Amino acid sequence: MISVDQLVAVPSLGLKYLAGTSGGVRLVTWAHTCDLPDPWSWVEAGDLVMTTGAGLPASGPEQAQWMELLIDSQVSALVIAPRPDAPATTPALLEVANRRGFPVLSAGFDLQFVALARTVIESAVESERQRLATITRLYDVYWQALHARGTFGDRMSALEGTTGWALEVRDQSTGEVLVSGRLAQRRTATAAPEDAAVQVPIPGTLELSLCAAPGRSPVTDRPLLQHLGGLIALELEHEDAQKDRLRASGTDLLVGLLDESITVAAVWPELRHRGMTGSIVVACWSTPEAGPLRHDSIHRDVSLQQHAPLLLARSGMLIGIAPRDLDLLSAVSAKLAPTCAVGISDALTSNSSVVEAARQAQLAVSRAHELHRPIYVYGEDTEDGGFLPRSVEETRRFVRATLGPLIAHDKHSDSDLVKSVRVFLRHDGAWQRSADELGIHRQTLVYRLRRVEQLTGLKPTSTEGSAMLWLALTGAERANLDLDELVD
């Protein structure tokens, strides 16, 4: 659509700014002539209001109030082509327009409003024609991406290629990214500002939104973004149906494992297919009073987007076979109930007994309730304070295994990953305080910690990752080790 600045640039219209030049980027959706004293009652958001000034009040304070009401109606701009007997515009009116960044334009009385309106309307019609063409291309691109059988992220990247926007699906309550295209990933990696991003809710979901940020093009078409939201809603609906099917089949498998009619070895490939490629455990969730758990849709939760655990509700508990990710399992607890805790078994192997592992998990969750802890791992010895290696050589091996990739990266790339982790942990995960001490932008710290996770496999913001990194840093400090000497 045409902007106010673009209208001013049309020589034949003879428009000039009286005030509000900072609002020149406003888009004009339609144009209306109105000489009534209350034009805000007759126009809509985005309209260009054209007047001869006949409806303007005479005094400065009245004109200021009149302008406030017009701006509040969300119109795009005001064009005044004053007739000879119209009240003159006062400094009070212009001051309000400047303060609120609202364009007020002057034109000669001989300006034919129909010519100005035609320019606006032709632009709006052309904009709608282009939007329809773009929507058609988006559906074609998305259909082709679906047939290519790529990932959800691949399809988001295909949509980015058509719109030029960096696209992400986010959880509105937590800000967590469910899926993003490659343009959005590059923006995150370069700590690009988000002040120009636009979000729209995704239809059919309670908590998800589609976020578009400038990529190759600015985000200026909100209706088009809403169309994209509807398109992505179809994909999410399909994914939810697939997750429901996996939940049902996973329950059947877990029942078979618990009654020992199925062996772990038989379902091992299925567990890998469900995204459980690392260490796998039996987890048991419950509240101290064995109260109800909100588990009916937990398999759809954002935290489980990469995994489809086997889940079974039984006797006030939720039992599952899931990845041994303490942060993930704790996140699930928080969604199930405010007082929910989780107990975790020893790691499963293809020869394990799920019955025994489930017993371990149930004992562990009982222990968690006794200690008033949100999570407990079976076999933890809470009374043993010797959690650090006992010898210098053991410490050296542990530190090299844990921090070696970071130390090597810092030496060869002149980066500060080890220092960034140390400061982040010392501030108990406070992002802004850590960034301030390091003298960097908060988003730069986010990028560095993501790089730490890529190099070590440990997520500094998770319970397990922060614990391992803290142990390595503390062990090195207590053993007085020179980190640079641990790697070549």
Protein backbone atom coordinates (compact mmCIF):
# COMPACT_ATOMS: atom_id res chain seq x y z
CA MET A 1 0.00 0.00 0.00
CA ILE A 2 1.03 3.61 -0.53
CA SER A 3 2.56 5.50 2.38
CA VAL A 4 2.05 9.12 3.38
CA ASP A 5 5.61 9.93 2.25
CA GLN A 6 4.88 8.41 -1.17
CA LEU A 7 1.75 10.55 -1.53
CA VAL A 8 3.74 13.69 -0.72
CA ALA A 9 6.24 12.65 -3.41
CA VAL A 10 3.54 12.75 -6.16
CA PRO A 11 4.17 16.18 -7.80
CA SER A 12 0.68 16.59 -9.29
CA LEU A 13 -0.97 16.44 -5.85
CA GLY A 14 1.00 19.35 -4.41
CA LEU A 15 0.98 18.04 -0.85
CA LYS A 16 3.30 19.47 1.82
CA TYR A 17 3.91 18.60 5.45
CA LEU A 18 2.56 20.94 8.09
CA ALA A 19 3.46 18.58 10.95
CA GLY A 20 4.12 14.94 11.85
CA THR A 21 6.85 14.12 9.34
CA SER A 22 8.01 11.26 11.58
CA GLY A 23 4.75 9.45 10.73
CA GLY A 24 5.38 9.51 7.00
CA VAL A 25 5.85 5.74 6.87
CA ARG A 26 2.19 5.19 7.80
CA LEU A 27 0.32 3.19 5.17
CA VAL A 28 -2.92 4.56 3.71
CA THR A 29 -5.67 2.01 3.10
CA TRP A 30 -8.45 4.32 1.83
CA ALA A 31 -9.35 8.01 1.46
CA HIS A 32 -12.42 9.94 2.69
CA THR A 33 -13.56 13.54 2.39
CA CYS A 34 -15.18 14.87 5.55
CA ASP A 35 -15.99 18.45 6.59
CA LEU A 36 -18.07 17.45 9.59
CA PRO A 37 -16.92 18.54 13.07
CA ASP A 38 -16.51 14.89 14.17
CA PRO A 39 -14.77 13.07 11.29
CA TRP A 40 -13.62 10.27 13.65
CA SER A 41 -17.23 9.07 13.73
CA TRP A 42 -17.27 8.46 9.96
CA VAL A 43 -13.86 7.02 9.11
CA GLU A 44 -11.95 3.80 9.82
CA ALA A 45 -8.41 2.92 10.85
CA GLY A 46 -5.90 3.49 8.05
CA ASP A 47 -8.03 6.07 6.22
CA LEU A 48 -6.67 9.33 4.83
CA VAL A 49 -8.98 12.15 5.97
CA MET A 50 -9.38 15.04 3.49
CA THR A 51 -11.05 18.27 4.60
CA THR A 52 -11.48 21.88 3.51
CA GLY A 53 -11.28 22.88 7.17
CA ALA A 54 -14.96 23.75 7.49
CA GLY A 55 -15.39 21.42 10.46
CA LEU A 56 -12.36 22.69 12.37
CA PRO A 57 -13.03 24.54 15.63
CA ALA A 58 -11.65 28.05 15.81
CA SER A 59 -9.62 28.19 19.04
CA GLY A 60 -6.24 26.59 19.72
CA PRO A 61 -7.31 24.42 22.71
CA GLU A 62 -10.37 23.17 20.81
CA GLN A 63 -8.26 22.33 17.76
CA ALA A 64 -5.77 20.45 19.97
CA GLN A 65 -8.60 18.36 21.46
CA TRP A 66 -10.06 17.83 17.97
CA MET A 67 -6.69 16.54 16.74
CA GLU A 68 -6.29 14.17 19.71
CA LEU A 69 -9.67 12.59 18.95
CA LEU A 70 -8.85 12.23 15.25
CA ILE A 71 -5.49 10.58 15.98
CA ASP A 72 -7.12 8.21 18.48
CA SER A 73 -9.36 6.91 15.67
CA GLN A 74 -6.23 5.34 14.11
CA VAL A 75 -6.51 7.14 10.77
CA SER A 76 -3.30 7.48 8.77
CA ALA A 77 -3.10 11.22 8.04
CA LEU A 78 -5.00 14.47 7.58
CA VAL A 79 -4.98 16.59 4.41
CA ILE A 80 -6.22 20.18 4.75
CA ALA A 81 -7.07 22.12 1.57
CA PRO A 82 -8.55 25.18 3.32
CA ARG A 83 -11.35 27.12 1.79
CA PRO A 84 -11.17 30.90 2.28
CA ASP A 85 -13.60 31.06 5.19
CA ALA A 86 -12.16 28.06 7.09
CA PRO A 87 -10.45 28.57 10.48
CA ALA A 88 -6.67 28.69 10.26
CA THR A 89 -4.71 25.79 11.71
CA THR A 90 -3.27 26.77 15.08
CA PRO A 91 0.16 25.99 16.60
CA ALA A 92 -1.68 23.94 19.25
CA LEU A 93 -3.05 21.56 16.58
CA LEU A 94 0.35 21.21 14.93
CA GLU A 95 2.07 20.63 18.30
CA VAL A 96 -0.24 17.67 19.02
CA ALA A 97 0.45 16.21 15.56
CA ASN A 98 4.22 16.55 15.97
CA ARG A 99 4.19 15.07 19.45
CA ARG A 100 2.24 12.02 18.34
CA GLY A 101 3.96 11.60 14.96
CA PHE A 102 0.74 12.13 13.01
CA PRO A 103 1.10 13.53 9.47
CA VAL A 104 -0.82 16.75 8.75
CA LEU A 105 -0.54 17.81 5.11
CA SER A 106 -1.49 21.03 3.38
CA ALA A 107 -2.85 21.34 -0.14
CA GLY A 108 -4.21 24.14 -2.28
CA PHE A 109 -7.97 24.69 -2.23
CA ASP A 110 -8.01 23.91 -5.93
CA LEU A 111 -6.82 20.33 -5.21
CA GLN A 112 -9.36 17.89 -6.58
CA PHE A 113 -9.92 15.48 -3.71
CA VAL A 114 -11.10 12.90 -6.22
CA ALA A 115 -7.62 12.81 -7.76
CA LEU A 116 -6.04 12.24 -4.36
CA ALA A 117 -8.62 9.59 -3.50
CA ARG A 118 -8.06 7.86 -6.84
CA THR A 119 -4.33 7.66 -6.16
CA VAL A 120 -4.97 6.06 -2.75
CA ILE A 121 -7.66 3.67 -4.00
CA GLU A 122 -5.62 2.52 -7.01
CA SER A 123 -2.75 1.78 -4.64
CA ALA A 124 -5.05 -0.19 -2.30
CA VAL A 125 -6.50 -2.23 -5.18
CA GLU A 126 -3.04 -2.98 -6.55
CA SER A 127 -1.84 -3.94 -3.07
CA GLU A 128 -4.73 -6.38 -2.67
CA ARG A 129 -4.03 -7.86 -6.11
CA GLN A 130 -0.38 -8.39 -5.16
CA ARG A 131 -1.39 -9.90 -1.81
CA LEU A 132 -3.68 -12.43 -3.53
CA ALA A 133 -0.89 -13.34 -5.93
CA THR A 134 1.52 -13.75 -3.01
CA ILE A 135 -0.98 -15.91 -1.09
CA THR A 136 -1.34 -18.15 -4.16
CA ARG A 137 2.46 -18.48 -4.37
CA LEU A 138 2.66 -19.26 -0.63
CA TYR A 139 0.17 -22.11 -0.93
CA ASP A 140 2.02 -23.47 -3.97
CA VAL A 141 5.37 -23.25 -2.18
CA TYR A 142 3.97 -24.89 0.95
CA TRP A 143 2.36 -27.69 -1.04
CA GLN A 144 5.64 -28.39 -2.82
CA ALA A 145 7.51 -28.35 0.51
CA LEU A 146 5.04 -30.86 1.97
CA HIS A 147 5.59 -33.19 -0.96
CA ALA A 148 9.34 -32.88 -0.51
CA ARG A 149 8.85 -34.55 2.91
CA GLY A 150 11.21 -32.19 4.68
CA THR A 151 10.95 -30.96 8.25
CA PHE A 152 8.63 -28.29 9.60
CA GLY A 153 11.67 -25.99 9.68
CA ASP A 154 12.30 -26.65 5.99
CA ARG A 155 8.76 -25.56 5.19
CA MET A 156 9.18 -22.42 7.29
CA SER A 157 12.35 -21.65 5.30
CA ALA A 158 10.39 -22.09 2.05
CA LEU A 159 7.84 -19.53 3.26
CA GLU A 160 10.70 -17.19 4.20
CA GLY A 161 11.96 -17.44 0.64
CA THR A 162 8.61 -16.20 -0.70
CA THR A 163 7.94 -13.41 1.82
CA GLY A 164 11.48 -12.28 2.61
CA TRP A 165 10.58 -12.36 6.33
CA ALA A 166 12.34 -14.25 9.13
CA LEU A 167 9.65 -16.56 10.55
CA GLU A 168 9.30 -18.31 13.91
CA VAL A 169 6.51 -20.08 15.77
CA ARG A 170 6.70 -19.18 19.47
CA ASP A 171 5.03 -20.08 22.72
CA GLN A 172 3.44 -16.78 23.78
CA SER A 173 3.66 -17.51 27.50
CA THR A 174 7.34 -18.54 27.63
CA GLY A 175 8.79 -17.03 24.45
CA GLU A 176 10.22 -20.45 23.58
CA VAL A 177 10.70 -21.05 19.85
CA LEU A 178 8.83 -24.09 18.54
CA VAL A 179 10.20 -23.94 15.00
CA SER A 180 12.03 -21.35 12.90
CA GLY A 181 13.22 -20.88 9.36
CA ARG A 182 16.82 -20.39 8.34
CA LEU A 183 16.50 -16.59 8.09
CA ALA A 184 15.22 -16.45 11.67
CA GLN A 185 18.04 -18.71 12.83
CA ARG A 186 20.61 -16.40 11.24
CA ARG A 187 18.99 -13.36 12.89
CA THR A 188 19.23 -15.08 16.27
CA ALA A 189 22.85 -16.07 15.68
CA THR A 190 23.77 -12.46 14.85
CA ALA A 191 21.77 -11.05 17.81
CA ALA A 192 19.58 -8.94 15.51
CA PRO A 193 17.15 -6.59 17.32
CA GLU A 194 13.49 -7.65 17.52
CA ASP A 195 11.88 -4.23 17.77
CA ALA A 196 10.65 -4.45 14.16
CA ALA A 197 9.12 -7.92 14.58
CA VAL A 198 5.38 -8.48 14.21
CA GLN A 199 3.42 -11.27 15.95
CA VAL A 200 -0.01 -12.68 15.19
CA PRO A 201 -1.81 -15.47 17.08
CA ILE A 202 -2.04 -18.80 15.26
CA PRO A 203 -5.71 -19.83 14.85
CA GLY A 204 -6.83 -22.90 16.75
CA THR A 205 -4.08 -22.68 19.38
CA LEU A 206 -4.19 -21.12 22.82
CA GLU A 207 -0.54 -20.25 23.29
CA LEU A 208 1.27 -20.12 19.95
CA SER A 209 1.99 -17.13 17.76
CA LEU A 210 3.71 -16.56 14.43
CA CYS A 211 6.51 -14.00 14.62
CA ALA A 212 7.84 -12.27 11.51
CA ALA A 213 10.95 -10.09 11.56
CA PRO A 214 12.61 -8.21 8.69
CA GLY A 215 14.80 -10.49 6.61
CA ARG A 216 15.27 -9.49 3.00
CA SER A 217 12.09 -7.39 3.24
CA PRO A 218 10.40 -5.31 5.96
CA VAL A 219 7.25 -6.71 7.57
CA THR A 220 4.57 -4.32 6.30
CA ASP A 221 1.63 -6.60 5.46
CA ARG A 222 -0.10 -7.86 8.62
CA PRO A 223 -3.07 -9.41 6.73
CA LEU A 224 -0.62 -11.52 4.73
CA LEU A 225 1.06 -12.60 7.97
CA GLN A 226 -2.35 -13.64 9.29
CA HIS A 227 -2.84 -15.78 6.19
CA LEU A 228 0.50 -17.41 6.96
CA GLY A 229 -0.71 -18.06 10.52
CA GLY A 230 -3.74 -19.89 9.13
CA LEU A 231 -1.54 -21.96 6.85
CA ILE A 232 0.76 -22.94 9.70
CA ALA A 233 -2.27 -23.73 11.89
CA LEU A 234 -3.14 -26.52 9.44
CA GLU A 235 0.35 -27.97 9.84
CA LEU A 236 0.15 -27.77 13.63
CA GLU A 237 -3.26 -29.45 13.59
CA HIS A 238 -1.80 -32.27 11.53
CA GLU A 239 1.15 -32.56 13.92
CA ASP A 240 -1.18 -32.67 16.93
CA ALA A 241 -3.14 -35.50 15.33
CA GLN A 242 0.11 -37.38 14.73
CA LYS A 243 1.17 -36.79 18.34
CA ASP A 244 -2.19 -38.13 19.53
CA ARG A 245 -1.63 -41.31 17.53
CA LEU A 246 1.89 -41.68 18.94
CA ARG A 247 0.55 -41.12 22.48
CA ALA A 248 -2.02 -43.91 22.03
CA SER A 249 0.41 -46.39 20.50
CA GLY A 250 3.06 -45.46 23.11
CA THR A 251 0.63 -46.27 25.92
CA ASP A 252 0.01 -49.71 24.39
CA LEU A 253 3.76 -50.34 24.15
CA LEU A 254 4.38 -49.30 27.75
CA VAL A 255 1.59 -51.55 29.01
CA GLY A 256 3.22 -54.44 27.15
CA LEU A 257 6.64 -53.60 28.64
CA LEU A 258 5.23 -53.44 32.17
CA ASP A 259 3.37 -56.75 31.89
CA GLU A 260 6.49 -58.18 30.22
CA SER A 261 4.71 -59.34 27.09
CA ILE A 262 7.13 -57.09 25.14
CA THR A 263 10.89 -56.74 25.65
CA VAL A 264 12.88 -53.50 25.54
CA ALA A 265 14.96 -54.93 22.69
CA ALA A 266 11.80 -55.29 20.61
CA VAL A 267 10.83 -51.63 20.98
CA TRP A 268 14.34 -50.15 20.87
CA PRO A 269 14.07 -49.10 17.19
CA GLU A 270 10.68 -47.50 17.92
CA LEU A 271 12.20 -45.47 20.76
CA ARG A 272 14.84 -44.16 18.37
CA HIS A 273 12.11 -43.31 15.87
CA ARG A 274 10.41 -41.28 18.62
CA GLY A 275 13.47 -39.07 19.07
CA MET A 276 15.02 -40.88 22.04
CA THR A 277 18.52 -41.42 20.71
CA GLY A 278 20.56 -40.76 23.86
CA SER A 279 20.27 -42.09 27.39
CA ILE A 280 16.73 -43.33 28.14
CA VAL A 281 15.07 -43.77 31.55
CA VAL A 282 11.76 -44.59 33.16
CA ALA A 283 10.29 -41.48 34.79
CA CYS A 284 7.46 -41.30 37.30
CA TRP A 285 5.53 -38.09 37.96
CA SER A 286 3.19 -37.57 40.92
CA THR A 287 2.10 -35.06 43.54
CA PRO A 288 2.60 -35.66 47.29
CA GLU A 289 -1.11 -36.35 47.76
CA ALA A 290 -1.40 -38.38 44.51
CA GLY A 291 -3.70 -35.70 43.14
CA PRO A 292 -4.83 -35.38 39.51
CA LEU A 293 -2.26 -34.52 36.85
CA ARG A 294 -2.98 -32.44 33.74
CA HIS A 295 -1.56 -35.09 31.43
CA ASP A 296 -4.22 -35.36 28.68
CA SER A 297 -2.36 -33.02 26.30
CA ILE A 298 1.13 -33.10 27.81
CA HIS A 299 2.41 -35.01 24.75
CA ARG A 300 1.65 -31.89 22.67
CA ASP A 301 3.67 -29.57 24.89
CA VAL A 302 6.36 -27.39 23.31
CA SER A 303 9.03 -28.98 25.52
CA LEU A 304 8.34 -32.37 23.90
CA GLN A 305 8.43 -31.21 20.29
CA GLN A 306 11.55 -33.29 19.59
CA HIS A 307 10.41 -36.39 21.46
CA ALA A 308 7.42 -38.72 21.67
CA PRO A 309 7.86 -40.56 25.00
CA LEU A 310 5.83 -43.60 26.00
CA LEU A 311 3.31 -42.41 28.61
CA LEU A 312 0.85 -44.26 30.85
CA ALA A 313 -1.42 -42.76 33.53
CA ARG A 314 -1.87 -45.18 36.42
CA SER A 315 -3.02 -44.81 40.05
CA GLY A 316 -2.46 -41.07 40.40
CA MET A 317 0.89 -41.24 38.61
CA LEU A 318 2.18 -40.69 35.11
CA ILE A 319 4.80 -43.26 34.10
CA GLY A 320 6.90 -42.73 31.02
CA ILE A 321 9.91 -43.88 29.07
CA ALA A 322 11.68 -40.66 28.14
CA PRO A 323 15.11 -39.14 27.44
CA ARG A 324 17.34 -38.68 30.48
CA ASP A 325 17.15 -34.90 30.25
CA LEU A 326 16.65 -33.47 33.74
CA ASP A 327 15.63 -30.07 32.43
CA LEU A 328 13.05 -31.61 30.10
CA LEU A 329 11.60 -33.91 32.77
CA SER A 330 11.34 -31.00 35.22
CA ALA A 331 9.56 -28.89 32.58
CA VAL A 332 7.01 -31.66 32.14
CA SER A 333 6.48 -31.73 35.95
CA ALA A 334 5.68 -28.03 35.99
CA LYS A 335 3.00 -28.51 33.34
CA LEU A 336 1.39 -31.48 35.09
CA ALA A 337 0.73 -29.83 38.48
CA PRO A 338 2.24 -27.11 40.70
CA THR A 339 3.43 -29.63 43.33
CA CYS A 340 4.39 -32.40 40.89
CA ALA A 341 7.80 -34.06 41.26
CA VAL A 342 9.54 -36.60 39.05
CA GLY A 343 11.58 -39.67 39.94
CA ILE A 344 14.09 -41.08 37.48
CA SER A 345 15.38 -44.64 37.13
CA ASP A 346 18.79 -45.89 36.09
CA ALA A 347 19.44 -45.68 32.35
CA LEU A 348 17.74 -48.36 30.27
CA THR A 349 19.55 -50.72 27.95
CA SER A 350 18.12 -53.16 25.42
CA ASN A 351 18.36 -55.88 28.10
CA SER A 352 16.80 -53.88 30.96
CA SER A 353 13.66 -54.80 32.85
CA VAL A 354 11.15 -51.98 32.56
CA VAL A 355 9.31 -53.36 35.59
CA GLU A 356 12.42 -52.92 37.73
CA ALA A 357 13.13 -49.50 36.25
CA ALA A 358 9.55 -48.40 36.98
CA ARG A 359 10.00 -49.54 40.58
CA GLN A 360 13.16 -47.45 40.81
CA ALA A 361 11.34 -44.40 39.39
CA GLN A 362 8.48 -44.75 41.87
CA LEU A 363 10.90 -45.04 44.78
CA ALA A 364 12.73 -42.00 43.46
CA VAL A 365 9.61 -39.84 43.24
CA SER A 366 8.66 -40.86 46.78
CA ARG A 367 12.12 -39.76 47.89
CA ALA A 368 11.65 -36.47 46.03
CA HIS A 369 8.48 -35.78 47.99
CA GLU A 370 10.21 -36.63 51.28
CA LEU A 371 13.02 -34.19 50.53
CA HIS A 372 10.63 -31.57 49.06
CA ARG A 373 12.59 -31.64 45.82
CA PRO A 374 11.13 -31.38 42.29
CA ILE A 375 13.35 -34.14 40.90
CA TYR A 376 15.25 -37.13 42.28
CA VAL A 377 17.40 -39.68 40.47
CA TYR A 378 17.35 -43.23 41.81
CA GLY A 379 20.53 -44.10 43.69
CA GLU A 380 21.54 -40.51 44.44
CA ASP A 381 23.58 -40.32 47.64
CA THR A 382 22.60 -36.96 49.08
CA GLU A 383 24.82 -37.45 52.14
CA ASP A 384 28.04 -37.86 50.16
CA GLY A 385 29.72 -34.50 49.72
CA GLY A 386 32.53 -35.95 47.60
CA PHE A 387 30.97 -35.02 44.29
CA LEU A 388 34.25 -33.66 42.89
CA PRO A 389 37.04 -35.98 41.65
CA ARG A 390 39.34 -37.01 44.51
CA SER A 391 42.72 -36.69 42.76
CA VAL A 392 44.38 -34.07 40.58
CA GLU A 393 44.70 -36.53 37.72
CA GLU A 394 41.00 -37.45 37.93
CA THR A 395 40.17 -33.75 37.99
CA ARG A 396 42.39 -33.09 34.98
CA ARG A 397 40.70 -35.87 32.97
CA PHE A 398 37.23 -34.67 33.97
CA VAL A 399 37.95 -31.02 33.17
CA ARG A 400 39.56 -31.95 29.84
CA ALA A 401 36.56 -34.13 28.90
CA THR A 402 34.03 -31.46 29.89
CA LEU A 403 35.69 -28.16 29.01
CA GLY A 404 38.27 -29.29 26.45
CA PRO A 405 36.23 -28.24 23.38
CA LEU A 406 35.61 -24.79 24.89
CA ILE A 407 39.25 -24.26 25.85
CA ALA A 408 40.41 -25.27 22.36
CA HIS A 409 37.82 -23.00 20.73
CA ASP A 410 38.90 -20.05 22.91
CA LYS A 411 42.59 -20.62 22.07
CA HIS A 412 42.10 -20.94 18.33
CA SER A 413 39.29 -18.38 17.85
CA ASP A 414 40.25 -15.83 20.52
CA SER A 415 36.78 -16.18 22.05
CA ASP A 416 35.59 -16.10 25.67
CA LEU A 417 33.31 -19.13 25.96
CA VAL A 418 34.84 -20.45 29.21
CA LYS A 419 34.69 -17.02 30.83
CA SER A 420 31.11 -16.53 29.64
CA VAL A 421 30.02 -19.83 31.21
CA ARG A 422 31.83 -19.03 34.47
CA VAL A 423 30.18 -15.60 34.78
CA PHE A 424 26.74 -16.97 33.80
CA LEU A 425 26.89 -19.69 36.46
CA ARG A 426 28.25 -17.31 39.09
CA HIS A 427 25.20 -15.10 38.55
CA ASP A 428 22.86 -18.14 38.82
CA GLY A 429 21.74 -17.84 35.21
CA ALA A 430 20.81 -14.13 35.34
CA TRP A 431 21.18 -13.13 31.68
CA GLN A 432 21.38 -9.34 31.96
CA ARG A 433 23.70 -9.23 34.98
CA SER A 434 26.03 -11.72 33.28
CA ALA A 435 26.03 -9.78 30.02
CA ASP A 436 26.71 -6.52 31.88
CA GLU A 437 29.75 -8.01 33.65
CA LEU A 438 31.08 -9.39 30.37
CA GLY A 439 30.46 -6.04 28.63
CA ILE A 440 28.41 -7.60 25.84
CA HIS A 441 24.83 -7.49 24.58
CA ARG A 442 22.44 -9.97 26.19
CA GLN A 443 21.75 -11.64 22.83
CA THR A 444 25.50 -12.11 22.28
CA LEU A 445 25.59 -14.08 25.53
CA VAL A 446 22.67 -16.19 24.26
CA TYR A 447 24.67 -16.95 21.12
CA ARG A 448 27.80 -17.83 23.11
CA LEU A 449 25.94 -20.28 25.37
CA ARG A 450 24.34 -21.90 22.35
CA ARG A 451 27.85 -22.35 20.97
CA VAL A 452 28.86 -23.92 24.31
CA GLU A 453 26.02 -26.42 23.96
CA GLN A 454 27.04 -27.23 20.37
CA LEU A 455 30.66 -27.88 21.38
CA THR A 456 30.09 -29.81 24.64
CA GLY A 457 26.60 -31.26 24.36
CA LEU A 458 25.84 -29.57 27.71
CA LYS A 459 23.12 -26.92 27.93
CA PRO A 460 24.26 -24.26 30.45
CA THR A 461 20.65 -23.30 31.19
CA SER A 462 19.60 -26.85 32.09
CA THR A 463 19.96 -28.50 35.48
CA GLU A 464 22.30 -31.24 34.24
CA GLY A 465 24.35 -29.01 31.94
CA SER A 466 24.94 -26.26 34.50
CA ALA A 467 25.85 -28.86 37.13
CA MET A 468 28.44 -30.54 34.90
CA LEU A 469 29.99 -27.26 33.81
CA TRP A 470 30.06 -25.95 37.39
CA LEU A 471 31.76 -29.15 38.59
CA ALA A 472 34.43 -28.85 35.91
CA LEU A 473 35.12 -25.16 36.59
CA THR A 474 35.13 -25.65 40.37
CA GLY A 475 37.34 -28.73 40.12
CA ALA A 476 39.86 -26.87 37.97
CA GLU A 477 39.91 -23.97 40.39
CA ARG A 478 40.39 -26.15 43.48
CA ALA A 479 43.11 -28.21 41.79
CA ASN A 480 44.77 -24.98 40.60
CA LEU A 481 44.83 -26.20 36.99
CA ASP A 482 45.91 -23.98 34.09
CA LEU A 483 43.14 -24.55 31.55
CA ASP A 484 45.32 -23.55 28.58
CA GLU A 485 47.69 -26.42 29.38
CA LEU A 486 44.94 -29.04 29.20
CA VAL A 487 44.61 -28.92 25.39
CA ASP A 488 47.10 -28.58 22.58
